[in-house]
Amino acid sequence: ADTHASKKVSLVLNLSGVFCQLFMCTYSCDDVMQQSGNVSNAIFSIPWAIFPMNEAGTI
């Protein structure tokens, strides 16, 4: 277990870079999922029954 200090530092820097990239990807994807959930909630909360129907199947 006698490794050089430079290898240990390299490993720590590499792991921290990987975790930073993982965090950035998952954070942005989580934001996209939350925003799309908000859009779907807004769409399904619209009172569709009160819209006038001009022709069959169209609003």
PDB file of N, CA and C in Angstrom:
ATOM      1  N   ALA A   1       0.823  -1.191   0.000  1.00  0.00           N
ATOM      2  CA  ALA A   1       0.000   0.000   0.000  1.00  0.00           C
ATOM      3  C   ALA A   1       0.860   1.245   0.000  1.00  0.00           C
ATOM      4  N   ASP A   2       2.049   1.139  -0.565  1.00  0.00           N
ATOM      5  CA  ASP A   2       2.922   2.313  -0.609  1.00  0.00           C
ATOM      6  C   ASP A   2       2.828   2.962  -1.989  1.00  0.00           C
ATOM      7  N   THR A   3       1.821   3.787  -2.173  1.00  0.00           N
ATOM      8  CA  THR A   3       1.642   4.502  -3.438  1.00  0.00           C
ATOM      9  C   THR A   3       2.161   5.918  -3.282  1.00  0.00           C
ATOM     10  N   HIS A   4       2.522   6.498  -4.386  1.00  0.00           N
ATOM     11  CA  HIS A   4       3.044   7.860  -4.368  1.00  0.00           C
ATOM     12  C   HIS A   4       1.930   8.847  -4.063  1.00  0.00           C
ATOM     13  N   ALA A   5       2.305   9.953  -3.487  1.00  0.00           N
ATOM     14  CA  ALA A   5       1.323  10.987  -3.146  1.00  0.00           C
ATOM     15  C   ALA A   5       0.688  11.564  -4.403  1.00  0.00           C
ATOM     16  N   SER A   6       1.443  11.617  -5.497  1.00  0.00           N
ATOM     17  CA  SER A   6       0.893  12.173  -6.730  1.00  0.00           C
ATOM     18  C   SER A   6      -0.234  11.294  -7.278  1.00  0.00           C
ATOM     19  N   LYS A   7      -0.125   9.980  -7.113  1.00  0.00           N
ATOM     20  CA  LYS A   7      -1.194   9.092  -7.567  1.00  0.00           C
ATOM     21  C   LYS A   7      -2.438   9.262  -6.711  1.00  0.00           C
ATOM     22  N   LYS A   8      -2.242   9.468  -5.412  1.00  0.00           N
ATOM     23  CA  LYS A   8      -3.381   9.687  -4.527  1.00  0.00           C
ATOM     24  C   LYS A   8      -4.089  10.989  -4.870  1.00  0.00           C
ATOM     25  N   VAL A   9      -3.314  12.027  -5.115  1.00  0.00           N
ATOM     26  CA  VAL A   9      -3.898  13.320  -5.483  1.00  0.00           C
ATOM     27  C   VAL A   9      -4.617  13.209  -6.816  1.00  0.00           C
ATOM     28  N   SER A  10      -4.017  12.496  -7.758  1.00  0.00           N
ATOM     29  CA  SER A  10      -4.644  12.302  -9.064  1.00  0.00           C
ATOM     30  C   SER A  10      -5.964  11.553  -8.927  1.00  0.00           C
ATOM     31  N   LEU A  11      -6.007  10.539  -8.087  1.00  0.00           N
ATOM     32  CA  LEU A  11      -7.234   9.780  -7.869  1.00  0.00           C
ATOM     33  C   LEU A  11      -8.312  10.653  -7.240  1.00  0.00           C
ATOM     34  N   VAL A  12      -7.944  11.433  -6.242  1.00  0.00           N
ATOM     35  CA  VAL A  12      -8.916  12.307  -5.579  1.00  0.00           C
ATOM     36  C   VAL A  12      -9.452  13.351  -6.551  1.00  0.00           C
ATOM     37  N   LEU A  13      -8.593  13.952  -7.349  1.00  0.00           N
ATOM     38  CA  LEU A  13      -9.043  14.947  -8.324  1.00  0.00           C
ATOM     39  C   LEU A  13      -9.925  14.314  -9.393  1.00  0.00           C
ATOM     40  N   ASN A  14      -9.571  13.117  -9.839  1.00  0.00           N
ATOM     41  CA  ASN A  14     -10.368  12.422 -10.843  1.00  0.00           C
ATOM     42  C   ASN A  14     -11.750  12.093 -10.291  1.00  0.00           C
ATOM     43  N   LEU A  15     -11.806  11.556  -9.080  1.00  0.00           N
ATOM     44  CA  LEU A  15     -13.096  11.215  -8.480  1.00  0.00           C
ATOM     45  C   LEU A  15     -13.946  12.456  -8.242  1.00  0.00           C
ATOM     46  N   SER A  16     -13.330  13.538  -7.802  1.00  0.00           N
ATOM     47  CA  SER A  16     -14.110  14.759  -7.584  1.00  0.00           C
ATOM     48  C   SER A  16     -14.640  15.303  -8.906  1.00  0.00           C
ATOM     49  N   GLY A  17     -13.872  15.199  -9.977  1.00  0.00           N
ATOM     50  CA  GLY A  17     -14.354  15.628 -11.286  1.00  0.00           C
ATOM     51  C   GLY A  17     -15.509  14.780 -11.776  1.00  0.00           C
ATOM     52  N   VAL A  18     -15.421  13.474 -11.560  1.00  0.00           N
ATOM     53  CA  VAL A  18     -16.500  12.568 -11.967  1.00  0.00           C
ATOM     54  C   VAL A  18     -17.773  12.881 -11.191  1.00  0.00           C
ATOM     55  N   PHE A  19     -17.645  13.099  -9.885  1.00  0.00           N
ATOM     56  CA  PHE A  19     -18.825  13.404  -9.077  1.00  0.00           C
ATOM     57  C   PHE A  19     -19.424  14.756  -9.447  1.00  0.00           C
ATOM     58  N   CYS A  20     -18.585  15.725  -9.799  1.00  0.00           N
ATOM     59  CA  CYS A  20     -19.111  17.025 -10.243  1.00  0.00           C
ATOM     60  C   CYS A  20     -19.898  16.873 -11.541  1.00  0.00           C
ATOM     61  N   GLN A  21     -19.375  16.108 -12.487  1.00  0.00           N
ATOM     62  CA  GLN A  21     -20.084  15.888 -13.744  1.00  0.00           C
ATOM     63  C   GLN A  21     -21.384  15.133 -13.518  1.00  0.00           C
ATOM     64  N   LEU A  22     -21.364  14.145 -12.648  1.00  0.00           N
ATOM     65  CA  LEU A  22     -22.569  13.388 -12.332  1.00  0.00           C
ATOM     66  C   LEU A  22     -23.615  14.286 -11.691  1.00  0.00           C
ATOM     67  N   PHE A  23     -23.195  15.148 -10.778  1.00  0.00           N
ATOM     68  CA  PHE A  23     -24.123  16.063 -10.123  1.00  0.00           C
ATOM     69  C   PHE A  23     -24.734  17.037 -11.122  1.00  0.00           C
ATOM     70  N   MET A  24     -23.917  17.589 -12.017  1.00  0.00           N
ATOM     71  CA  MET A  24     -24.438  18.553 -12.991  1.00  0.00           C
ATOM     72  C   MET A  24     -25.462  17.904 -13.913  1.00  0.00           C
ATOM     73  N   CYS A  25     -25.198  16.693 -14.360  1.00  0.00           N
ATOM     74  CA  CYS A  25     -26.122  15.999 -15.262  1.00  0.00           C
ATOM     75  C   CYS A  25     -27.424  15.665 -14.552  1.00  0.00           C
ATOM     76  N   THR A  26     -27.333  15.113 -13.357  1.00  0.00           N
ATOM     77  CA  THR A  26     -28.549  14.707 -12.660  1.00  0.00           C
ATOM     78  C   THR A  26     -29.349  15.909 -12.184  1.00  0.00           C
ATOM     79  N   TYR A  27     -28.677  17.005 -11.829  1.00  0.00           N
ATOM     80  CA  TYR A  27     -29.397  18.196 -11.374  1.00  0.00           C
ATOM     81  C   TYR A  27     -30.194  18.808 -12.518  1.00  0.00           C
ATOM     82  N   SER A  28     -29.581  18.902 -13.699  1.00  0.00           N
ATOM     83  CA  SER A  28     -30.295  19.487 -14.835  1.00  0.00           C
ATOM     84  C   SER A  28     -31.434  18.575 -15.288  1.00  0.00           C
ATOM     85  N   CYS A  29     -31.226  17.273 -15.259  1.00  0.00           N
ATOM     86  CA  CYS A  29     -32.294  16.349 -15.649  1.00  0.00           C
ATOM     87  C   CYS A  29     -33.443  16.382 -14.649  1.00  0.00           C
ATOM     88  N   ASP A  30     -33.132  16.553 -13.366  1.00  0.00           N
ATOM     89  CA  ASP A  30     -34.182  16.656 -12.357  1.00  0.00           C
ATOM     90  C   ASP A  30     -35.002  17.918 -12.585  1.00  0.00           C
ATOM     91  N   ASP A  31     -34.354  19.005 -12.965  1.00  0.00           N
ATOM     92  CA  ASP A  31     -35.081  20.246 -13.239  1.00  0.00           C
ATOM     93  C   ASP A  31     -36.003  20.085 -14.440  1.00  0.00           C
ATOM     94  N   VAL A  32     -35.534  19.400 -15.476  1.00  0.00           N
ATOM     95  CA  VAL A  32     -36.372  19.153 -16.651  1.00  0.00           C
ATOM     96  C   VAL A  32     -37.581  18.301 -16.275  1.00  0.00           C
ATOM     97  N   MET A  33     -37.380  17.292 -15.429  1.00  0.00           N
ATOM     98  CA  MET A  33     -38.497  16.447 -15.009  1.00  0.00           C
ATOM     99  C   MET A  33     -39.513  17.236 -14.186  1.00  0.00           C
ATOM    100  N   GLN A  34     -39.043  18.118 -13.312  1.00  0.00           N
ATOM    101  CA  GLN A  34     -39.968  18.918 -12.511  1.00  0.00           C
ATOM    102  C   GLN A  34     -40.755  19.880 -13.390  1.00  0.00           C
ATOM    103  N   GLN A  35     -40.100  20.502 -14.351  1.00  0.00           N
ATOM    104  CA  GLN A  35     -40.792  21.435 -15.235  1.00  0.00           C
ATOM    105  C   GLN A  35     -41.812  20.712 -16.112  1.00  0.00           C
ATOM    106  N   SER A  36     -41.484  19.535 -16.606  1.00  0.00           N
ATOM    107  CA  SER A  36     -42.451  18.804 -17.430  1.00  0.00           C
ATOM    108  C   SER A  36     -43.622  18.329 -16.582  1.00  0.00           C
ATOM    109  N   GLY A  37     -43.377  18.016 -15.322  1.00  0.00           N
ATOM    110  CA  GLY A  37     -44.473  17.677 -14.419  1.00  0.00           C
ATOM    111  C   GLY A  37     -45.386  18.863 -14.186  1.00  0.00           C
ATOM    112  N   ASN A  38     -44.806  20.053 -14.076  1.00  0.00           N
ATOM    113  CA  ASN A  38     -45.620  21.260 -13.918  1.00  0.00           C
ATOM    114  C   ASN A  38     -46.467  21.523 -15.159  1.00  0.00           C
ATOM    115  N   VAL A  39     -45.897  21.276 -16.333  1.00  0.00           N
ATOM    116  CA  VAL A  39     -46.648  21.468 -17.572  1.00  0.00           C
ATOM    117  C   VAL A  39     -47.814  20.488 -17.644  1.00  0.00           C
ATOM    118  N   SER A  40     -47.563  19.236 -17.299  1.00  0.00           N
ATOM    119  CA  SER A  40     -48.655  18.260 -17.364  1.00  0.00           C
ATOM    120  C   SER A  40     -49.736  18.574 -16.335  1.00  0.00           C
ATOM    121  N   ASN A  41     -49.351  19.031 -15.150  1.00  0.00           N
ATOM    122  CA  ASN A  41     -50.360  19.419 -14.159  1.00  0.00           C
ATOM    123  C   ASN A  41     -51.187  20.601 -14.645  1.00  0.00           C
ATOM    124  N   ALA A  42     -50.543  21.562 -15.302  1.00  0.00           N
ATOM    125  CA  ALA A  42     -51.271  22.717 -15.820  1.00  0.00           C
ATOM    126  C   ALA A  42     -52.226  22.308 -16.937  1.00  0.00           C
ATOM    127  N   ILE A  43     -51.802  21.393 -17.790  1.00  0.00           N
ATOM    128  CA  ILE A  43     -52.657  20.952 -18.895  1.00  0.00           C
ATOM    129  C   ILE A  43     -53.879  20.208 -18.370  1.00  0.00           C
ATOM    130  N   PHE A  44     -53.684  19.324 -17.413  1.00  0.00           N
ATOM    131  CA  PHE A  44     -54.801  18.526 -16.921  1.00  0.00           C
ATOM    132  C   PHE A  44     -55.698  19.281 -15.953  1.00  0.00           C
ATOM    133  N   SER A  45     -55.285  20.473 -15.505  1.00  0.00           N
ATOM    134  CA  SER A  45     -56.157  21.253 -14.623  1.00  0.00           C
ATOM    135  C   SER A  45     -57.050  22.217 -15.405  1.00  0.00           C
ATOM    136  N   ILE A  46     -56.917  22.259 -16.729  1.00  0.00           N
ATOM    137  CA  ILE A  46     -57.758  23.126 -17.558  1.00  0.00           C
ATOM    138  C   ILE A  46     -59.173  22.552 -17.598  1.00  0.00           C
ATOM    139  N   PRO A  47     -60.190  23.390 -17.432  1.00  0.00           N
ATOM    140  CA  PRO A  47     -61.578  22.893 -17.510  1.00  0.00           C
ATOM    141  C   PRO A  47     -61.991  22.659 -18.966  1.00  0.00           C
ATOM    142  N   TRP A  48     -61.697  21.480 -19.481  1.00  0.00           N
ATOM    143  CA  TRP A  48     -61.948  21.173 -20.885  1.00  0.00           C
ATOM    144  C   TRP A  48     -63.435  21.171 -21.228  1.00  0.00           C
ATOM    145  N   ALA A  49     -64.298  20.905 -20.281  1.00  0.00           N
ATOM    146  CA  ALA A  49     -65.728  20.762 -20.564  1.00  0.00           C
ATOM    147  C   ALA A  49     -66.392  22.075 -20.960  1.00  0.00           C
ATOM    148  N   ILE A  50     -65.797  23.222 -20.625  1.00  0.00           N
ATOM    149  CA  ILE A  50     -66.460  24.498 -20.936  1.00  0.00           C
ATOM    150  C   ILE A  50     -66.036  25.077 -22.283  1.00  0.00           C
ATOM    151  N   PHE A  51     -65.104  24.434 -22.988  1.00  0.00           N
ATOM    152  CA  PHE A  51     -64.704  24.940 -24.291  1.00  0.00           C
ATOM    153  C   PHE A  51     -65.796  24.666 -25.316  1.00  0.00           C
ATOM    154  N   PRO A  52     -66.071  25.630 -26.198  1.00  0.00           N
ATOM    155  CA  PRO A  52     -67.093  25.391 -27.226  1.00  0.00           C
ATOM    156  C   PRO A  52     -66.562  24.446 -28.306  1.00  0.00           C
ATOM    157  N   MET A  53     -67.423  23.595 -28.786  1.00  0.00           N
ATOM    158  CA  MET A  53     -67.062  22.673 -29.858  1.00  0.00           C
ATOM    159  C   MET A  53     -67.684  23.188 -31.151  1.00  0.00           C
ATOM    160  N   ASN A  54     -66.850  23.638 -32.089  1.00  0.00           N
ATOM    161  CA  ASN A  54     -67.343  24.158 -33.360  1.00  0.00           C
ATOM    162  C   ASN A  54     -67.691  23.029 -34.322  1.00  0.00           C
ATOM    163  N   GLU A  55     -66.819  22.062 -34.425  1.00  0.00           N
ATOM    164  CA  GLU A  55     -67.037  20.912 -35.297  1.00  0.00           C
ATOM    165  C   GLU A  55     -66.751  19.656 -34.485  1.00  0.00           C
ATOM    166  N   ALA A  56     -67.027  18.542 -35.048  1.00  0.00           N
ATOM    167  CA  ALA A  56     -66.807  17.287 -34.332  1.00  0.00           C
ATOM    168  C   ALA A  56     -65.312  17.082 -34.078  1.00  0.00           C
ATOM    169  N   GLY A  57     -64.938  17.016 -32.825  1.00  0.00           N
ATOM    170  CA  GLY A  57     -63.560  16.727 -32.464  1.00  0.00           C
ATOM    171  C   GLY A  57     -62.625  17.912 -32.467  1.00  0.00           C
ATOM    172  N   THR A  58     -63.094  19.115 -32.743  1.00  0.00           N
ATOM    173  CA  THR A  58     -62.210  20.280 -32.730  1.00  0.00           C
ATOM    174  C   THR A  58     -62.731  21.312 -31.749  1.00  0.00           C
ATOM    175  N   ILE A  59     -61.822  22.089 -31.240  1.00  0.00           N
ATOM    176  CA  ILE A  59     -62.198  23.143 -30.288  1.00  0.00           C
ATOM    177  C   ILE A  59     -62.223  24.476 -31.005  1.00  0.00           C
TER     178      ILE A  59
END
